[in-house]
PDB file of N, CA and C in Angstrom:
ATOM      1  N   MET A   1       0.844  -1.155   0.000  1.00  0.00           N
ATOM      2  CA  MET A   1       0.000   0.000   0.000  1.00  0.00           C
ATOM      3  C   MET A   1       0.891   1.220   0.000  1.00  0.00           C
ATOM      4  N   LEU A   2       0.629   2.122  -0.902  1.00  0.00           N
ATOM      5  CA  LEU A   2       1.353   3.389  -0.958  1.00  0.00           C
ATOM      6  C   LEU A   2       0.381   4.520  -0.676  1.00  0.00           C
ATOM      7  N   GLY A   3       0.789   5.423   0.187  1.00  0.00           N
ATOM      8  CA  GLY A   3      -0.047   6.571   0.496  1.00  0.00           C
ATOM      9  C   GLY A   3       0.577   7.398   1.595  1.00  0.00           C
ATOM     10  N   PRO A   4       0.018   8.573   1.844  1.00  0.00           N
ATOM     11  CA  PRO A   4       0.596   9.482   2.824  1.00  0.00           C
ATOM     12  C   PRO A   4       0.304   9.129   4.278  1.00  0.00           C
ATOM     13  N   GLY A   5      -0.490   8.086   4.520  1.00  0.00           N
ATOM     14  CA  GLY A   5      -0.779   7.687   5.897  1.00  0.00           C
ATOM     15  C   GLY A   5      -2.140   8.129   6.393  1.00  0.00           C
ATOM     16  N   CYS A   6      -3.018   8.443   5.479  1.00  0.00           N
ATOM     17  CA  CYS A   6      -4.363   8.899   5.840  1.00  0.00           C
ATOM     18  C   CYS A   6      -5.245   7.721   6.268  1.00  0.00           C
ATOM     19  N   ALA A   7      -6.454   8.023   6.683  1.00  0.00           N
ATOM     20  CA  ALA A   7      -7.393   6.987   7.113  1.00  0.00           C
ATOM     21  C   ALA A   7      -7.734   6.034   5.967  1.00  0.00           C
ATOM     22  N   ARG A   8      -7.870   6.557   4.755  1.00  0.00           N
ATOM     23  CA  ARG A   8      -8.142   5.694   3.600  1.00  0.00           C
ATOM     24  C   ARG A   8      -6.974   4.744   3.351  1.00  0.00           C
ATOM     25  N   CYS A   9      -5.759   5.215   3.566  1.00  0.00           N
ATOM     26  CA  CYS A   9      -4.570   4.369   3.413  1.00  0.00           C
ATOM     27  C   CYS A   9      -4.608   3.224   4.424  1.00  0.00           C
ATOM     28  N   GLN A  10      -4.948   3.536   5.639  1.00  0.00           N
ATOM     29  CA  GLN A  10      -5.027   2.515   6.682  1.00  0.00           C
ATOM     30  C   GLN A  10      -6.102   1.481   6.340  1.00  0.00           C
ATOM     31  N   THR A  11      -7.236   1.945   5.822  1.00  0.00           N
ATOM     32  CA  THR A  11      -8.308   1.026   5.443  1.00  0.00           C
ATOM     33  C   THR A  11      -7.858   0.112   4.311  1.00  0.00           C
ATOM     34  N   LEU A  12      -7.187   0.660   3.304  1.00  0.00           N
ATOM     35  CA  LEU A  12      -6.677  -0.167   2.206  1.00  0.00           C
ATOM     36  C   LEU A  12      -5.689  -1.193   2.725  1.00  0.00           C
ATOM     37  N   TYR A  13      -4.812  -0.784   3.614  1.00  0.00           N
ATOM     38  CA  TYR A  13      -3.838  -1.699   4.209  1.00  0.00           C
ATOM     39  C   TYR A  13      -4.555  -2.844   4.927  1.00  0.00           C
ATOM     40  N   GLU A  14      -5.548  -2.528   5.726  1.00  0.00           N
ATOM     41  CA  GLU A  14      -6.294  -3.552   6.462  1.00  0.00           C
ATOM     42  C   GLU A  14      -7.032  -4.495   5.507  1.00  0.00           C
ATOM     43  N   HIS A  15      -7.645  -3.942   4.457  1.00  0.00           N
ATOM     44  CA  HIS A  15      -8.338  -4.777   3.485  1.00  0.00           C
ATOM     45  C   HIS A  15      -7.354  -5.685   2.753  1.00  0.00           C
ATOM     46  N   ALA A  16      -6.170  -5.169   2.437  1.00  0.00           N
ATOM     47  CA  ALA A  16      -5.165  -5.982   1.749  1.00  0.00           C
ATOM     48  C   ALA A  16      -4.685  -7.118   2.646  1.00  0.00           C
ATOM     49  N   ARG A  17      -4.448  -6.819   3.907  1.00  0.00           N
ATOM     50  CA  ARG A  17      -4.033  -7.869   4.853  1.00  0.00           C
ATOM     51  C   ARG A  17      -5.123  -8.943   4.972  1.00  0.00           C
ATOM     52  N   GLN A  18      -6.358  -8.506   5.051  1.00  0.00           N
ATOM     53  CA  GLN A  18      -7.479  -9.438   5.152  1.00  0.00           C
ATOM     54  C   GLN A  18      -7.536 -10.331   3.916  1.00  0.00           C
ATOM     55  N   ALA A  19      -7.390  -9.742   2.733  1.00  0.00           N
ATOM     56  CA  ALA A  19      -7.446 -10.504   1.485  1.00  0.00           C
ATOM     57  C   ALA A  19      -6.318 -11.530   1.416  1.00  0.00           C
ATOM     58  N   VAL A  20      -5.114 -11.133   1.796  1.00  0.00           N
ATOM     59  CA  VAL A  20      -3.964 -12.045   1.793  1.00  0.00           C
ATOM     60  C   VAL A  20      -4.215 -13.190   2.771  1.00  0.00           C
ATOM     61  N   ASP A  21      -4.704 -12.855   3.953  1.00  0.00           N
ATOM     62  CA  ASP A  21      -4.993 -13.892   4.955  1.00  0.00           C
ATOM     63  C   ASP A  21      -6.065 -14.856   4.466  1.00  0.00           C
ATOM     64  N   GLU A  22      -7.136 -14.329   3.876  1.00  0.00           N
ATOM     65  CA  GLU A  22      -8.238 -15.168   3.412  1.00  0.00           C
ATOM     66  C   GLU A  22      -7.814 -16.098   2.281  1.00  0.00           C
ATOM     67  N   LEU A  23      -6.868 -15.644   1.451  1.00  0.00           N
ATOM     68  CA  LEU A  23      -6.370 -16.484   0.360  1.00  0.00           C
ATOM     69  C   LEU A  23      -5.278 -17.440   0.828  1.00  0.00           C
ATOM     70  N   GLY A  24      -4.792 -17.236   2.050  1.00  0.00           N
ATOM     71  CA  GLY A  24      -3.733 -18.088   2.574  1.00  0.00           C
ATOM     72  C   GLY A  24      -2.415 -17.895   1.858  1.00  0.00           C
ATOM     73  N   LEU A  25      -2.175 -16.690   1.378  1.00  0.00           N
ATOM     74  CA  LEU A  25      -0.942 -16.401   0.638  1.00  0.00           C
ATOM     75  C   LEU A  25       0.229 -16.164   1.575  1.00  0.00           C
ATOM     76  N   ASP A  26       1.386 -16.563   1.144  1.00  0.00           N
ATOM     77  CA  ASP A  26       2.626 -16.257   1.847  1.00  0.00           C
ATOM     78  C   ASP A  26       3.143 -14.959   1.233  1.00  0.00           C
ATOM     79  N   ALA A  27       2.607 -13.840   1.689  1.00  0.00           N
ATOM     80  CA  ALA A  27       2.920 -12.549   1.096  1.00  0.00           C
ATOM     81  C   ALA A  27       3.140 -11.519   2.183  1.00  0.00           C
ATOM     82  N   GLU A  28       3.983 -10.570   1.881  1.00  0.00           N
ATOM     83  CA  GLU A  28       4.246  -9.461   2.796  1.00  0.00           C
ATOM     84  C   GLU A  28       3.346  -8.292   2.405  1.00  0.00           C
ATOM     85  N   VAL A  29       2.626  -7.756   3.362  1.00  0.00           N
ATOM     86  CA  VAL A  29       1.799  -6.581   3.134  1.00  0.00           C
ATOM     87  C   VAL A  29       2.469  -5.432   3.888  1.00  0.00           C
ATOM     88  N   ARG A  30       2.842  -4.399   3.130  1.00  0.00           N
ATOM     89  CA  ARG A  30       3.552  -3.277   3.740  1.00  0.00           C
ATOM     90  C   ARG A  30       2.841  -1.967   3.448  1.00  0.00           C
ATOM     91  N   LYS A  31       3.015  -1.029   4.382  1.00  0.00           N
ATOM     92  CA  LYS A  31       2.563   0.345   4.172  1.00  0.00           C
ATOM     93  C   LYS A  31       3.796   1.164   3.855  1.00  0.00           C
ATOM     94  N   VAL A  32       3.754   1.867   2.743  1.00  0.00           N
ATOM     95  CA  VAL A  32       4.852   2.756   2.362  1.00  0.00           C
ATOM     96  C   VAL A  32       4.276   4.164   2.318  1.00  0.00           C
ATOM     97  N   GLU A  33       4.786   5.001   3.202  1.00  0.00           N
ATOM     98  CA  GLU A  33       4.274   6.369   3.308  1.00  0.00           C
ATOM     99  C   GLU A  33       5.286   7.399   2.817  1.00  0.00           C
ATOM    100  N   ASP A  34       6.351   6.946   2.173  1.00  0.00           N
ATOM    101  CA  ASP A  34       7.403   7.820   1.660  1.00  0.00           C
ATOM    102  C   ASP A  34       6.918   8.485   0.370  1.00  0.00           C
ATOM    103  N   LEU A  35       6.745   9.796   0.413  1.00  0.00           N
ATOM    104  CA  LEU A  35       6.217  10.512  -0.740  1.00  0.00           C
ATOM    105  C   LEU A  35       7.118  10.401  -1.961  1.00  0.00           C
ATOM    106  N   SER A  36       8.414  10.256  -1.763  1.00  0.00           N
ATOM    107  CA  SER A  36       9.311  10.108  -2.914  1.00  0.00           C
ATOM    108  C   SER A  36       9.029   8.801  -3.655  1.00  0.00           C
ATOM    109  N   GLU A  37       8.575   7.779  -2.929  1.00  0.00           N
ATOM    110  CA  GLU A  37       8.210   6.511  -3.563  1.00  0.00           C
ATOM    111  C   GLU A  37       6.945   6.692  -4.413  1.00  0.00           C
ATOM    112  N   LEU A  38       5.996   7.469  -3.924  1.00  0.00           N
ATOM    113  CA  LEU A  38       4.793   7.763  -4.701  1.00  0.00           C
ATOM    114  C   LEU A  38       5.150   8.486  -5.995  1.00  0.00           C
ATOM    115  N   VAL A  39       6.011   9.477  -5.889  1.00  0.00           N
ATOM    116  CA  VAL A  39       6.426  10.245  -7.063  1.00  0.00           C
ATOM    117  C   VAL A  39       7.191   9.351  -8.035  1.00  0.00           C
ATOM    118  N   ALA A  40       8.095   8.525  -7.515  1.00  0.00           N
ATOM    119  CA  ALA A  40       8.885   7.649  -8.377  1.00  0.00           C
ATOM    120  C   ALA A  40       7.998   6.686  -9.168  1.00  0.00           C
ATOM    121  N   ARG A  41       6.899   6.262  -8.572  1.00  0.00           N
ATOM    122  CA  ARG A  41       5.974   5.339  -9.259  1.00  0.00           C
ATOM    123  C   ARG A  41       4.879   6.078 -10.022  1.00  0.00           C
ATOM    124  N   ARG A  42       4.962   7.409 -10.023  1.00  0.00           N
ATOM    125  CA  ARG A  42       3.990   8.261 -10.728  1.00  0.00           C
ATOM    126  C   ARG A  42       2.564   8.015 -10.247  1.00  0.00           C
ATOM    127  N   ILE A  43       2.432   7.910  -8.943  1.00  0.00           N
ATOM    128  CA  ILE A  43       1.118   7.741  -8.332  1.00  0.00           C
ATOM    129  C   ILE A  43       0.669   9.107  -7.843  1.00  0.00           C
ATOM    130  N   TRP A  44      -0.397   9.615  -8.451  1.00  0.00           N
ATOM    131  CA  TRP A  44      -0.884  10.943  -8.096  1.00  0.00           C
ATOM    132  C   TRP A  44      -2.173  10.864  -7.298  1.00  0.00           C
ATOM    133  N   ALA A  45      -2.835   9.725  -7.319  1.00  0.00           N
ATOM    134  CA  ALA A  45      -4.064   9.533  -6.548  1.00  0.00           C
ATOM    135  C   ALA A  45      -3.802   8.432  -5.527  1.00  0.00           C
ATOM    136  N   THR A  46      -4.085   8.728  -4.275  1.00  0.00           N
ATOM    137  CA  THR A  46      -3.823   7.746  -3.225  1.00  0.00           C
ATOM    138  C   THR A  46      -5.119   7.365  -2.539  1.00  0.00           C
ATOM    139  N   PRO A  47      -5.115   6.238  -1.883  1.00  0.00           N
ATOM    140  CA  PRO A  47      -4.025   5.287  -1.733  1.00  0.00           C
ATOM    141  C   PRO A  47      -3.878   4.437  -2.996  1.00  0.00           C
ATOM    142  N   ALA A  48      -2.751   3.741  -3.079  1.00  0.00           N
ATOM    143  CA  ALA A  48      -2.494   2.868  -4.217  1.00  0.00           C
ATOM    144  C   ALA A  48      -2.077   1.494  -3.701  1.00  0.00           C
ATOM    145  N   LEU A  49      -2.373   0.490  -4.497  1.00  0.00           N
ATOM    146  CA  LEU A  49      -1.996  -0.876  -4.151  1.00  0.00           C
ATOM    147  C   LEU A  49      -1.045  -1.389  -5.222  1.00  0.00           C
ATOM    148  N   VAL A  50       0.099  -1.882  -4.780  1.00  0.00           N
ATOM    149  CA  VAL A  50       1.118  -2.419  -5.681  1.00  0.00           C
ATOM    150  C   VAL A  50       1.262  -3.903  -5.376  1.00  0.00           C
ATOM    151  N   VAL A  51       1.184  -4.724  -6.422  1.00  0.00           N
ATOM    152  CA  VAL A  51       1.346  -6.170  -6.278  1.00  0.00           C
ATOM    153  C   VAL A  51       2.481  -6.601  -7.195  1.00  0.00           C
ATOM    154  N   ASP A  52       3.501  -7.198  -6.614  1.00  0.00           N
ATOM    155  CA  ASP A  52       4.669  -7.647  -7.377  1.00  0.00           C
ATOM    156  C   ASP A  52       5.242  -6.540  -8.252  1.00  0.00           C
ATOM    157  N   GLY A  53       5.311  -5.321  -7.703  1.00  0.00           N
ATOM    158  CA  GLY A  53       5.900  -4.195  -8.406  1.00  0.00           C
ATOM    159  C   GLY A  53       4.979  -3.504  -9.393  1.00  0.00           C
ATOM    160  N   GLN A  54       3.761  -3.972  -9.531  1.00  0.00           N
ATOM    161  CA  GLN A  54       2.806  -3.434 -10.490  1.00  0.00           C
ATOM    162  C   GLN A  54       1.693  -2.698  -9.749  1.00  0.00           C
ATOM    163  N   VAL A  55       1.443  -1.435 -10.115  1.00  0.00           N
ATOM    164  CA  VAL A  55       0.336  -0.682  -9.521  1.00  0.00           C
ATOM    165  C   VAL A  55      -0.966  -1.274 -10.067  1.00  0.00           C
ATOM    166  N   VAL A  56      -1.783  -1.820  -9.177  1.00  0.00           N
ATOM    167  CA  VAL A  56      -3.029  -2.456  -9.614  1.00  0.00           C
ATOM    168  C   VAL A  56      -4.249  -1.596  -9.346  1.00  0.00           C
ATOM    169  N   LEU A  57      -4.118  -0.582  -8.489  1.00  0.00           N
ATOM    170  CA  LEU A  57      -5.207   0.363  -8.290  1.00  0.00           C
ATOM    171  C   LEU A  57      -4.673   1.593  -7.591  1.00  0.00           C
ATOM    172  N   ALA A  58      -5.358   2.703  -7.823  1.00  0.00           N
ATOM    173  CA  ALA A  58      -4.980   3.963  -7.179  1.00  0.00           C
ATOM    174  C   ALA A  58      -6.197   4.862  -7.084  1.00  0.00           C
ATOM    175  N   GLY A  59      -6.256   5.592  -5.988  1.00  0.00           N
ATOM    176  CA  GLY A  59      -7.283   6.606  -5.833  1.00  0.00           C
ATOM    177  C   GLY A  59      -8.574   6.179  -5.164  1.00  0.00           C
ATOM    178  N   HIS A  60      -8.674   4.912  -4.790  1.00  0.00           N
ATOM    179  CA  HIS A  60      -9.885   4.481  -4.088  1.00  0.00           C
ATOM    180  C   HIS A  60      -9.559   3.301  -3.188  1.00  0.00           C
ATOM    181  N   VAL A  61     -10.524   2.968  -2.332  1.00  0.00           N
ATOM    182  CA  VAL A  61     -10.352   1.871  -1.379  1.00  0.00           C
ATOM    183  C   VAL A  61     -11.367   0.786  -1.708  1.00  0.00           C
ATOM    184  N   PRO A  62     -10.903  -0.293  -2.339  1.00  0.00           N
ATOM    185  CA  PRO A  62     -11.817  -1.387  -2.652  1.00  0.00           C
ATOM    186  C   PRO A  62     -12.065  -2.260  -1.426  1.00  0.00           C
ATOM    187  N   THR A  63     -13.042  -3.119  -1.536  1.00  0.00           N
ATOM    188  CA  THR A  63     -13.318  -4.070  -0.467  1.00  0.00           C
ATOM    189  C   THR A  63     -12.225  -5.138  -0.449  1.00  0.00           C
ATOM    190  N   ALA A  64     -12.157  -5.878   0.647  1.00  0.00           N
ATOM    191  CA  ALA A  64     -11.218  -6.994   0.727  1.00  0.00           C
ATOM    192  C   ALA A  64     -11.544  -8.020  -0.346  1.00  0.00           C
ATOM    193  N   SER A  65     -12.811  -8.182  -0.656  1.00  0.00           N
ATOM    194  CA  SER A  65     -13.228  -9.122  -1.702  1.00  0.00           C
ATOM    195  C   SER A  65     -12.645  -8.728  -3.059  1.00  0.00           C
ATOM    196  N   ARG A  66     -12.696  -7.453  -3.385  1.00  0.00           N
ATOM    197  CA  ARG A  66     -12.138  -6.983  -4.668  1.00  0.00           C
ATOM    198  C   ARG A  66     -10.622  -7.155  -4.678  1.00  0.00           C
ATOM    199  N   ILE A  67      -9.976  -6.911  -3.570  1.00  0.00           N
ATOM    200  CA  ILE A  67      -8.528  -7.093  -3.510  1.00  0.00           C
ATOM    201  C   ILE A  67      -8.182  -8.564  -3.707  1.00  0.00           C
ATOM    202  N   ARG A  68      -8.972  -9.460  -3.141  1.00  0.00           N
ATOM    203  CA  ARG A  68      -8.757 -10.899  -3.383  1.00  0.00           C
ATOM    204  C   ARG A  68      -8.794 -11.188  -4.879  1.00  0.00           C
ATOM    205  N   GLU A  69      -9.778 -10.634  -5.562  1.00  0.00           N
ATOM    206  CA  GLU A  69      -9.882 -10.823  -7.017  1.00  0.00           C
ATOM    207  C   GLU A  69      -8.630 -10.305  -7.723  1.00  0.00           C
ATOM    208  N   LEU A  70      -8.157  -9.130  -7.323  1.00  0.00           N
ATOM    209  CA  LEU A  70      -6.964  -8.559  -7.938  1.00  0.00           C
ATOM    210  C   LEU A  70      -5.736  -9.434  -7.692  1.00  0.00           C
ATOM    211  N   LEU A  71      -5.630  -9.972  -6.499  1.00  0.00           N
ATOM    212  CA  LEU A  71      -4.481 -10.817  -6.171  1.00  0.00           C
ATOM    213  C   LEU A  71      -4.477 -12.101  -6.996  1.00  0.00           C
ATOM    214  N   VAL A  72      -5.640 -12.569  -7.356  1.00  0.00           N
ATOM    215  CA  VAL A  72      -5.737 -13.760  -8.204  1.00  0.00           C
ATOM    216  C   VAL A  72      -5.480 -13.381  -9.666  1.00  0.00           C
ATOM    217  N   GLU A  73      -5.955 -12.209 -10.089  1.00  0.00           N
ATOM    218  CA  GLU A  73      -5.816 -11.770 -11.477  1.00  0.00           C
ATOM    219  C   GLU A  73      -4.383 -11.401 -11.850  1.00  0.00           C
ATOM    220  N   VAL A  74      -3.661 -10.756 -10.969  1.00  0.00           N
ATOM    221  CA  VAL A  74      -2.326 -10.237 -11.302  1.00  0.00           C
ATOM    222  C   VAL A  74      -1.381 -11.335 -11.768  1.00  0.00           C
ATOM    223  N   PRO A  75      -1.244 -12.472 -11.063  1.00  0.00           N
ATOM    224  CA  PRO A  75      -0.343 -13.514 -11.554  1.00  0.00           C
ATOM    225  C   PRO A  75      -0.797 -14.067 -12.907  1.00  0.00           C
ATOM    226  N   ALA A  76      -2.090 -14.080 -13.166  1.00  0.00           N
ATOM    227  CA  ALA A  76      -2.609 -14.606 -14.428  1.00  0.00           C
ATOM    228  C   ALA A  76      -2.271 -13.693 -15.597  1.00  0.00           C
ATOM    229  N   GLN A  77      -1.974 -12.419 -15.334  1.00  0.00           N
ATOM    230  CA  GLN A  77      -1.673 -11.476 -16.394  1.00  0.00           C
ATOM    231  C   GLN A  77      -0.245 -11.611 -16.905  1.00  0.00           C
ATOM    232  N   ARG A  78       0.556 -12.431 -16.252  1.00  0.00           N
ATOM    233  CA  ARG A  78       1.960 -12.574 -16.665  1.00  0.00           C
ATOM    234  C   ARG A  78       2.109 -13.608 -17.732  1.00  0.00           C
TER     235      ARG A  78
END
C-alpha cells in the first residue's frame, strides 16, 4: 500500500491484509508512506496498491473481496 498515511490508506492496508490472509498467501503486506516513492511510481491519486511491483489500483479503497480478485488476477496477467 502506498499513500501518505491517511485513514483511507489505513483502510486499504487492512483490506489488503485481510485478502492475503483469506487467500492463505505467503505474502508481505507493507505500508509505504514515503512521498518520494509515490512520485517515483507516478502515483498521483492515493491510496495505491502495488502487487509484485505493479500498480493495480490507485485513488480508491476497494473491499477486501475486490482485492482478493486482484491478487488472483495479477499472476494470471503474466
